Amino acid sequence: IRGPVSIHTATSIEPVDITSMQITKSVNSTTNTKD
């Protein structure tokens, strides 16, 4: 089925600055079976 609605890729008006930050996950995903 060909739909009537077409959407194009969105582009920012100006170049964007990207910030990257280090994160830490300090929650146990699994239990240590030995201890």
Full PDB file with SEQRES, HELIX, SHEET, SSBOND, CRYST1, ORIGX, SCALE, CONECT and MASTER records, all heavy atoms in Angstrom:
SEQRES   1 A   35  ILE ARG GLY PRO VAL SER ILE HIS THR ALA THR SER ILE          
SEQRES   2 A   35  GLU PRO VAL ASP ILE THR SER MET GLN ILE THR LYS SER          
SEQRES   3 A   35  VAL ASN SER THR THR ASN THR LYS ASP                          
CRYST1    1.000    1.000    1.000  90.00  90.00  90.00 P 1           1          
ORIGX1      1.000000  0.000000  0.000000        0.00000                         
ORIGX2      0.000000  1.000000  0.000000        0.00000                         
ORIGX3      0.000000  0.000000  1.000000        0.00000                         
SCALE1      1.000000  0.000000  0.000000        0.00000                         
SCALE2      0.000000  1.000000  0.000000        0.00000                         
SCALE3      0.000000  0.000000  1.000000        0.00000                         
ATOM      1  N   ILE A   1       0.864  -1.188   0.000  1.00  0.00           N  
ATOM      2  CA  ILE A   1       0.000   0.000   0.000  1.00  0.00           C  
ATOM      3  C   ILE A   1       0.894   1.229   0.000  1.00  0.00           C  
ATOM      4  O   ILE A   1       1.737   1.387   0.878  1.00  0.00           O  
ATOM      5  CB  ILE A   1      -0.918   0.008   1.237  1.00  0.00           C  
ATOM      6  CG1 ILE A   1      -1.828  -1.226   1.229  1.00  0.00           C  
ATOM      7  CG2 ILE A   1      -1.745   1.293   1.299  1.00  0.00           C  
ATOM      8  CD1 ILE A   1      -2.628  -1.423   2.504  1.00  0.00           C  
ATOM      9  N   ARG A   2       0.714   2.085  -0.999  1.00  0.00           N  
ATOM     10  CA  ARG A   2       1.463   3.348  -1.057  1.00  0.00           C  
ATOM     11  C   ARG A   2       0.691   4.399  -0.291  1.00  0.00           C  
ATOM     12  O   ARG A   2      -0.452   4.704  -0.614  1.00  0.00           O  
ATOM     13  CB  ARG A   2       1.651   3.795  -2.508  1.00  0.00           C  
ATOM     14  CG  ARG A   2       2.682   2.958  -3.248  1.00  0.00           C  
ATOM     15  CD  ARG A   2       2.972   3.522  -4.615  1.00  0.00           C  
ATOM     16  NE  ARG A   2       3.485   4.876  -4.529  1.00  0.00           N  
ATOM     17  CZ  ARG A   2       3.404   5.768  -5.525  1.00  0.00           C  
ATOM     18  NH1 ARG A   2       2.817   5.458  -6.644  1.00  0.00           N  
ATOM     19  NH2 ARG A   2       3.895   6.969  -5.366  1.00  0.00           N  
ATOM     20  N   GLY A   3       1.326   4.943   0.729  1.00  0.00           N  
ATOM     21  CA  GLY A   3       0.670   5.965   1.541  1.00  0.00           C  
ATOM     22  C   GLY A   3       0.840   7.342   0.941  1.00  0.00           C  
ATOM     23  O   GLY A   3       1.834   7.627   0.263  1.00  0.00           O  
ATOM     24  N   PRO A   4      -0.098   8.241   1.197  1.00  0.00           N  
ATOM     25  CA  PRO A   4      -0.027   9.586   0.629  1.00  0.00           C  
ATOM     26  C   PRO A   4       0.926  10.527   1.360  1.00  0.00           C  
ATOM     27  O   PRO A   4       1.342  11.530   0.807  1.00  0.00           O  
ATOM     28  CB  PRO A   4      -1.471  10.086   0.769  1.00  0.00           C  
ATOM     29  CG  PRO A   4      -2.023   9.340   1.934  1.00  0.00           C  
ATOM     30  CD  PRO A   4      -1.366   7.994   1.899  1.00  0.00           C  
ATOM     31  N   VAL A   5       1.284  10.212   2.612  1.00  0.00           N  
ATOM     32  CA  VAL A   5       2.089  11.134   3.414  1.00  0.00           C  
ATOM     33  C   VAL A   5       3.571  10.805   3.265  1.00  0.00           C  
ATOM     34  O   VAL A   5       4.001   9.692   3.548  1.00  0.00           O  
ATOM     35  CB  VAL A   5       1.686  11.076   4.905  1.00  0.00           C  
ATOM     36  CG1 VAL A   5       2.550  12.032   5.732  1.00  0.00           C  
ATOM     37  CG2 VAL A   5       0.209  11.414   5.074  1.00  0.00           C  
ATOM     38  N   SER A   6       4.338  11.785   2.797  1.00  0.00           N  
ATOM     39  CA  SER A   6       5.793  11.661   2.702  1.00  0.00           C  
ATOM     40  C   SER A   6       6.425  12.624   3.686  1.00  0.00           C  
ATOM     41  O   SER A   6       6.007  13.780   3.783  1.00  0.00           O  
ATOM     42  CB  SER A   6       6.283  11.999   1.297  1.00  0.00           C  
ATOM     43  OG  SER A   6       5.839  11.035   0.379  1.00  0.00           O  
ATOM     44  N   ILE A   7       7.423  12.150   4.396  1.00  0.00           N  
ATOM     45  CA  ILE A   7       8.158  12.977   5.360  1.00  0.00           C  
ATOM     46  C   ILE A   7       9.621  12.989   4.938  1.00  0.00           C  
ATOM     47  O   ILE A   7      10.174  11.947   4.599  1.00  0.00           O  
ATOM     48  CB  ILE A   7       8.051  12.387   6.792  1.00  0.00           C  
ATOM     49  CG1 ILE A   7       6.597  12.236   7.230  1.00  0.00           C  
ATOM     50  CG2 ILE A   7       8.851  13.208   7.788  1.00  0.00           C  
ATOM     51  CD1 ILE A   7       5.896  13.501   7.617  1.00  0.00           C  
ATOM     52  N   HIS A   8      10.234  14.156   4.964  1.00  0.00           N  
ATOM     53  CA  HIS A   8      11.642  14.267   4.607  1.00  0.00           C  
ATOM     54  C   HIS A   8      12.493  14.305   5.878  1.00  0.00           C  
ATOM     55  O   HIS A   8      11.978  14.565   6.955  1.00  0.00           O  
ATOM     56  CB  HIS A   8      11.900  15.544   3.809  1.00  0.00           C  
ATOM     57  CG  HIS A   8      11.129  15.609   2.526  1.00  0.00           C  
ATOM     58  ND1 HIS A   8      11.404  16.510   1.553  1.00  0.00           N  
ATOM     59  CD2 HIS A   8      10.092  14.876   2.051  1.00  0.00           C  
ATOM     60  CE1 HIS A   8      10.582  16.347   0.531  1.00  0.00           C  
ATOM     61  NE2 HIS A   8       9.767  15.356   0.823  1.00  0.00           N  
ATOM     62  N   THR A   9      13.777  14.076   5.730  1.00  0.00           N  
ATOM     63  CA  THR A   9      14.717  14.173   6.851  1.00  0.00           C  
ATOM     64  C   THR A   9      14.732  15.598   7.383  1.00  0.00           C  
ATOM     65  O   THR A   9      14.707  16.561   6.615  1.00  0.00           O  
ATOM     66  CB  THR A   9      16.135  13.780   6.368  1.00  0.00           C  
ATOM     67  OG1 THR A   9      16.104  12.414   5.944  1.00  0.00           O  
ATOM     68  CG2 THR A   9      17.169  13.948   7.456  1.00  0.00           C  
ATOM     69  N   ALA A  10      14.759  15.729   8.714  1.00  0.00           N  
ATOM     70  CA  ALA A  10      14.865  17.053   9.338  1.00  0.00           C  
ATOM     71  C   ALA A  10      16.341  17.454   9.412  1.00  0.00           C  
ATOM     72  O   ALA A  10      17.200  16.609   9.666  1.00  0.00           O  
ATOM     73  CB  ALA A  10      14.263  17.025  10.739  1.00  0.00           C  
ATOM     74  N   THR A  11      16.611  18.723   9.189  1.00  0.00           N  
ATOM     75  CA  THR A  11      17.974  19.249   9.258  1.00  0.00           C  
ATOM     76  C   THR A  11      17.966  20.513  10.098  1.00  0.00           C  
ATOM     77  O   THR A  11      17.050  21.327   9.988  1.00  0.00           O  
ATOM     78  CB  THR A  11      18.505  19.578   7.839  1.00  0.00           C  
ATOM     79  OG1 THR A  11      18.364  18.416   7.010  1.00  0.00           O  
ATOM     80  CG2 THR A  11      19.960  19.983   7.873  1.00  0.00           C  
ATOM     81  N   SER A  12      19.003  20.671  10.923  1.00  0.00           N  
ATOM     82  CA  SER A  12      19.073  21.882  11.749  1.00  0.00           C  
ATOM     83  C   SER A  12      19.460  23.079  10.894  1.00  0.00           C  
ATOM     84  O   SER A  12      20.179  22.945   9.897  1.00  0.00           O  
ATOM     85  CB  SER A  12      20.065  21.701  12.903  1.00  0.00           C  
ATOM     86  OG  SER A  12      21.381  21.543  12.416  1.00  0.00           O  
ATOM     87  N   ILE A  13      18.969  24.251  11.283  1.00  0.00           N  
ATOM     88  CA  ILE A  13      19.246  25.475  10.526  1.00  0.00           C  
ATOM     89  C   ILE A  13      20.732  25.821  10.597  1.00  0.00           C  
ATOM     90  O   ILE A  13      21.335  26.222   9.608  1.00  0.00           O  
ATOM     91  CB  ILE A  13      18.390  26.639  11.080  1.00  0.00           C  
ATOM     92  CG1 ILE A  13      16.907  26.349  10.831  1.00  0.00           C  
ATOM     93  CG2 ILE A  13      18.789  27.964  10.453  1.00  0.00           C  
ATOM     94  CD1 ILE A  13      15.962  27.314  11.511  1.00  0.00           C  
ATOM     95  N   GLU A  14      21.318  25.648  11.764  1.00  0.00           N  
ATOM     96  CA  GLU A  14      22.742  25.925  11.984  1.00  0.00           C  
ATOM     97  C   GLU A  14      23.438  24.622  12.375  1.00  0.00           C  
ATOM     98  O   GLU A  14      22.785  23.682  12.837  1.00  0.00           O  
ATOM     99  CB  GLU A  14      22.915  26.936  13.128  1.00  0.00           C  
ATOM    100  CG  GLU A  14      22.277  28.292  12.889  1.00  0.00           C  
ATOM    101  CD  GLU A  14      23.014  29.118  11.867  1.00  0.00           C  
ATOM    102  OE1 GLU A  14      24.229  28.890  11.671  1.00  0.00           O  
ATOM    103  OE2 GLU A  14      22.388  29.994  11.245  1.00  0.00           O  
ATOM    104  N   PRO A  15      24.770  24.563  12.236  1.00  0.00           N  
ATOM    105  CA  PRO A  15      25.485  23.387  12.760  1.00  0.00           C  
ATOM    106  C   PRO A  15      25.222  23.248  14.262  1.00  0.00           C  
ATOM    107  O   PRO A  15      25.014  24.258  14.956  1.00  0.00           O  
ATOM    108  CB  PRO A  15      26.959  23.725  12.490  1.00  0.00           C  
ATOM    109  CG  PRO A  15      26.927  24.674  11.337  1.00  0.00           C  
ATOM    110  CD  PRO A  15      25.672  25.493  11.537  1.00  0.00           C  
ATOM    111  N   VAL A  16      25.211  22.022  14.762  1.00  0.00           N  
ATOM    112  CA  VAL A  16      24.931  21.790  16.184  1.00  0.00           C  
ATOM    113  C   VAL A  16      26.193  21.343  16.911  1.00  0.00           C  
ATOM    114  O   VAL A  16      27.079  20.720  16.320  1.00  0.00           O  
ATOM    115  CB  VAL A  16      23.817  20.728  16.383  1.00  0.00           C  
ATOM    116  CG1 VAL A  16      22.488  21.244  15.866  1.00  0.00           C  
ATOM    117  CG2 VAL A  16      24.165  19.401  15.744  1.00  0.00           C  
ATOM    118  N   ASP A  17      26.262  21.689  18.186  1.00  0.00           N  
ATOM    119  CA  ASP A  17      27.341  21.220  19.050  1.00  0.00           C  
ATOM    120  C   ASP A  17      26.851  19.986  19.781  1.00  0.00           C  
ATOM    121  O   ASP A  17      25.736  19.965  20.314  1.00  0.00           O  
ATOM    122  CB  ASP A  17      27.732  22.296  20.077  1.00  0.00           C  
ATOM    123  CG  ASP A  17      28.429  23.483  19.421  1.00  0.00           C  
ATOM    124  OD1 ASP A  17      29.159  23.268  18.439  1.00  0.00           O  
ATOM    125  OD2 ASP A  17      28.234  24.618  19.902  1.00  0.00           O  
ATOM    126  N   ILE A  18      27.689  18.960  19.791  1.00  0.00           N  
ATOM    127  CA  ILE A  18      27.338  17.720  20.481  1.00  0.00           C  
ATOM    128  C   ILE A  18      28.238  17.572  21.693  1.00  0.00           C  
ATOM    129  O   ILE A  18      29.459  17.699  21.594  1.00  0.00           O  
ATOM    130  CB  ILE A  18      27.488  16.512  19.536  1.00  0.00           C  
ATOM    131  CG1 ILE A  18      26.457  16.623  18.409  1.00  0.00           C  
ATOM    132  CG2 ILE A  18      27.312  15.196  20.298  1.00  0.00           C  
ATOM    133  CD1 ILE A  18      26.552  15.555  17.355  1.00  0.00           C  
ATOM    134  N   THR A  19      27.619  17.353  22.838  1.00  0.00           N  
ATOM    135  CA  THR A  19      28.346  17.126  24.080  1.00  0.00           C  
ATOM    136  C   THR A  19      28.289  15.642  24.404  1.00  0.00           C  
ATOM    137  O   THR A  19      27.233  15.018  24.302  1.00  0.00           O  
ATOM    138  CB  THR A  19      27.704  17.924  25.236  1.00  0.00           C  
ATOM    139  OG1 THR A  19      27.774  19.319  24.921  1.00  0.00           O  
ATOM    140  CG2 THR A  19      28.398  17.671  26.555  1.00  0.00           C  
ATOM    141  N   SER A  20      29.434  15.097  24.773  1.00  0.00           N  
ATOM    142  CA  SER A  20      29.501  13.698  25.188  1.00  0.00           C  
ATOM    143  C   SER A  20      29.925  13.655  26.645  1.00  0.00           C  
ATOM    144  O   SER A  20      30.820  14.390  27.056  1.00  0.00           O  
ATOM    145  CB  SER A  20      30.516  12.927  24.338  1.00  0.00           C  
ATOM    146  OG  SER A  20      30.138  12.980  22.977  1.00  0.00           O  
ATOM    147  N   MET A  21      29.257  12.825  27.414  1.00  0.00           N  
ATOM    148  CA  MET A  21      29.634  12.714  28.817  1.00  0.00           C  
ATOM    149  C   MET A  21      29.779  11.249  29.209  1.00  0.00           C  
ATOM    150  O   MET A  21      29.055  10.391  28.721  1.00  0.00           O  
ATOM    151  CB  MET A  21      28.612  13.411  29.716  1.00  0.00           C  
ATOM    152  CG  MET A  21      27.230  12.826  29.692  1.00  0.00           C  
ATOM    153  SD  MET A  21      26.126  13.574  30.888  1.00  0.00           S  
ATOM    154  CE  MET A  21      25.832  15.145  30.131  1.00  0.00           C  
ATOM    155  N   GLN A  22      30.764  11.010  30.076  1.00  0.00           N  
ATOM    156  CA  GLN A  22      30.988   9.664  30.597  1.00  0.00           C  
ATOM    157  C   GLN A  22      29.924   9.380  31.648  1.00  0.00           C  
ATOM    158  O   GLN A  22      29.637  10.239  32.490  1.00  0.00           O  
ATOM    159  CB  GLN A  22      32.380   9.602  31.232  1.00  0.00           C  
ATOM    160  CG  GLN A  22      32.850   8.223  31.565  1.00  0.00           C  
ATOM    161  CD  GLN A  22      33.399   7.486  30.360  1.00  0.00           C  
ATOM    162  OE1 GLN A  22      33.857   8.094  29.412  1.00  0.00           O  
ATOM    163  NE2 GLN A  22      33.346   6.175  30.407  1.00  0.00           N  
ATOM    164  N   ILE A  23      29.314   8.205  31.583  1.00  0.00           N  
ATOM    165  CA  ILE A  23      28.320   7.842  32.586  1.00  0.00           C  
ATOM    166  C   ILE A  23      28.725   6.506  33.224  1.00  0.00           C  
ATOM    167  O   ILE A  23      29.484   5.735  32.648  1.00  0.00           O  
ATOM    168  CB  ILE A  23      26.899   7.734  31.995  1.00  0.00           C  
ATOM    169  CG1 ILE A  23      26.848   6.712  30.853  1.00  0.00           C  
ATOM    170  CG2 ILE A  23      26.399   9.089  31.538  1.00  0.00           C  
ATOM    171  CD1 ILE A  23      25.456   6.382  30.365  1.00  0.00           C  
ATOM    172  N   THR A  24      28.229   6.281  34.429  1.00  0.00           N  
ATOM    173  CA  THR A  24      28.502   5.043  35.155  1.00  0.00           C  
ATOM    174  C   THR A  24      27.197   4.405  35.573  1.00  0.00           C  
ATOM    175  O   THR A  24      26.329   5.071  36.132  1.00  0.00           O  
ATOM    176  CB  THR A  24      29.335   5.351  36.427  1.00  0.00           C  
ATOM    177  OG1 THR A  24      30.488   6.083  36.053  1.00  0.00           O  
ATOM    178  CG2 THR A  24      29.740   4.077  37.126  1.00  0.00           C  
ATOM    179  N   LYS A  25      27.062   3.124  35.283  1.00  0.00           N  
ATOM    180  CA  LYS A  25      25.899   2.376  35.751  1.00  0.00           C  
ATOM    181  C   LYS A  25      26.369   1.584  36.964  1.00  0.00           C  
ATOM    182  O   LYS A  25      27.219   0.705  36.857  1.00  0.00           O  
ATOM    183  CB  LYS A  25      25.388   1.437  34.671  1.00  0.00           C  
ATOM    184  CG  LYS A  25      24.134   0.676  35.086  1.00  0.00           C  
ATOM    185  CD  LYS A  25      23.617  -0.225  33.996  1.00  0.00           C  
ATOM    186  CE  LYS A  25      24.364  -1.538  34.096  1.00  0.00           C  
ATOM    187  NZ  LYS A  25      23.823  -2.590  33.255  1.00  0.00           N  
ATOM    188  N   SER A  26      25.844   1.911  38.121  1.00  0.00           N  
ATOM    189  CA  SER A  26      26.309   1.252  39.346  1.00  0.00           C  
ATOM    190  C   SER A  26      25.212   0.405  39.976  1.00  0.00           C  
ATOM    191  O   SER A  26      25.110   0.303  41.184  1.00  0.00           O  
ATOM    192  CB  SER A  26      26.822   2.294  40.341  1.00  0.00           C  
ATOM    193  OG  SER A  26      25.802   3.222  40.620  1.00  0.00           O  
ATOM    194  N   VAL A  27      24.399  -0.213  39.123  1.00  0.00           N  
ATOM    195  CA  VAL A  27      23.340  -1.098  39.580  1.00  0.00           C  
ATOM    196  C   VAL A  27      23.702  -2.509  39.158  1.00  0.00           C  
ATOM    197  O   VAL A  27      24.181  -2.728  38.044  1.00  0.00           O  
ATOM    198  CB  VAL A  27      21.981  -0.694  38.949  1.00  0.00           C  
ATOM    199  CG1 VAL A  27      20.885  -1.670  39.325  1.00  0.00           C  
ATOM    200  CG2 VAL A  27      21.608   0.722  39.369  1.00  0.00           C  
ATOM    201  N   ASN A  28      23.484  -3.479  40.036  1.00  0.00           N  
ATOM    202  CA  ASN A  28      23.769  -4.868  39.674  1.00  0.00           C  
ATOM    203  C   ASN A  28      22.791  -5.341  38.611  1.00  0.00           C  
ATOM    204  O   ASN A  28      21.584  -5.336  38.830  1.00  0.00           O  
ATOM    205  CB  ASN A  28      23.649  -5.783  40.899  1.00  0.00           C  
ATOM    206  CG  ASN A  28      24.773  -5.570  41.885  1.00  0.00           C  
ATOM    207  OD1 ASN A  28      25.779  -4.963  41.570  1.00  0.00           O  
ATOM    208  ND2 ASN A  28      24.595  -6.066  43.092  1.00  0.00           N  
ATOM    209  N   SER A  29      23.310  -5.751  37.467  1.00  0.00           N  
ATOM    210  CA  SER A  29      22.465  -6.338  36.430  1.00  0.00           C  
ATOM    211  C   SER A  29      22.190  -7.800  36.744  1.00  0.00           C  
ATOM    212  O   SER A  29      21.130  -8.326  36.485  1.00  0.00           O  
ATOM    213  CB  SER A  29      23.131  -6.234  35.058  1.00  0.00           C  
ATOM    214  OG  SER A  29      23.272  -4.880  34.700  1.00  0.00           O  
ATOM    215  N   THR A  30      23.200  -8.462  37.322  1.00  0.00           N  
ATOM    216  CA  THR A  30      23.073  -9.865  37.704  1.00  0.00           C  
ATOM    217  C   THR A  30      23.641 -10.036  39.112  1.00  0.00           C  
ATOM    218  O   THR A  30      24.384  -9.188  39.600  1.00  0.00           O  
ATOM    219  CB  THR A  30      23.842 -10.787  36.735  1.00  0.00           C  
ATOM    220  OG1 THR A  30      25.220 -10.406  36.740  1.00  0.00           O  
ATOM    221  CG2 THR A  30      23.288 -10.693  35.328  1.00  0.00           C  
ATOM    222  N   THR A  31      23.310 -11.144  39.726  1.00  0.00           N  
ATOM    223  CA  THR A  31      23.825 -11.439  41.060  1.00  0.00           C  
ATOM    224  C   THR A  31      25.084 -12.284  40.927  1.00  0.00           C  
ATOM    225  O   THR A  31      25.136 -13.223  40.132  1.00  0.00           O  
ATOM    226  CB  THR A  31      22.767 -12.216  41.882  1.00  0.00           C  
ATOM    227  OG1 THR A  31      21.580 -11.445  41.921  1.00  0.00           O  
ATOM    228  CG2 THR A  31      23.246 -12.487  43.291  1.00  0.00           C  
ATOM    229  N   ASN A  32      26.093 -11.952  41.703  1.00  0.00           N  
ATOM    230  CA  ASN A  32      27.315 -12.737  41.734  1.00  0.00           C  
ATOM    231  C   ASN A  32      26.978 -14.067  42.417  1.00  0.00           C  
ATOM    232  O   ASN A  32      26.662 -14.104  43.601  1.00  0.00           O  
ATOM    233  CB  ASN A  32      28.400 -11.965  42.501  1.00  0.00           C  
ATOM    234  CG  ASN A  32      29.729 -12.687  42.494  1.00  0.00           C  
ATOM    235  OD1 ASN A  32      29.802 -13.904  42.346  1.00  0.00           O  
ATOM    236  ND2 ASN A  32      30.790 -11.910  42.674  1.00  0.00           N  
ATOM    237  N   THR A  33      27.035 -15.174  41.655  1.00  0.00           N  
ATOM    238  CA  THR A  33      26.619 -16.476  42.204  1.00  0.00           C  
ATOM    239  C   THR A  33      27.576 -16.988  43.272  1.00  0.00           C  
ATOM    240  O   THR A  33      27.165 -17.684  44.194  1.00  0.00           O  
ATOM    241  CB  THR A  33      26.493 -17.524  41.077  1.00  0.00           C  
ATOM    242  OG1 THR A  33      27.707 -17.551  40.331  1.00  0.00           O  
ATOM    243  CG2 THR A  33      25.324 -17.198  40.161  1.00  0.00           C  
ATOM    244  N   LYS A  34      28.848 -16.632  43.176  1.00  0.00           N  
ATOM    245  CA  LYS A  34      29.828 -17.088  44.171  1.00  0.00           C  
ATOM    246  C   LYS A  34      29.694 -16.332  45.475  1.00  0.00           C  
ATOM    247  O   LYS A  34      29.893 -16.876  46.548  1.00  0.00           O  
ATOM    248  CB  LYS A  34      31.251 -16.949  43.608  1.00  0.00           C  
ATOM    249  CG  LYS A  34      31.518 -17.900  42.444  1.00  0.00           C  
ATOM    250  CD  LYS A  34      32.910 -17.716  41.895  1.00  0.00           C  
ATOM    251  CE  LYS A  34      33.095 -18.609  40.681  1.00  0.00           C  
ATOM    252  NZ  LYS A  34      34.343 -18.327  39.994  1.00  0.00           N  
ATOM    253  N   ASP A  35      29.375 -15.041  45.370  1.00  0.00           N  
ATOM    254  CA  ASP A  35      29.225 -14.207  46.569  1.00  0.00           C  
ATOM    255  C   ASP A  35      28.041 -13.260  46.347  1.00  0.00           C  
ATOM    256  O   ASP A  35      28.215 -12.127  45.883  1.00  0.00           O  
ATOM    257  CB  ASP A  35      30.508 -13.420  46.823  1.00  0.00           C  
ATOM    258  CG  ASP A  35      30.457 -12.606  48.119  1.00  0.00           C  
ATOM    259  OD1 ASP A  35      29.440 -12.724  48.849  1.00  0.00           O  
ATOM    260  OD2 ASP A  35      31.418 -11.866  48.385  1.00  0.00           O  
TER     261      ASP A  35                                                      
MASTER        0    0    0    0    0    0    0    6  260    1    0    3          
END                                                                             
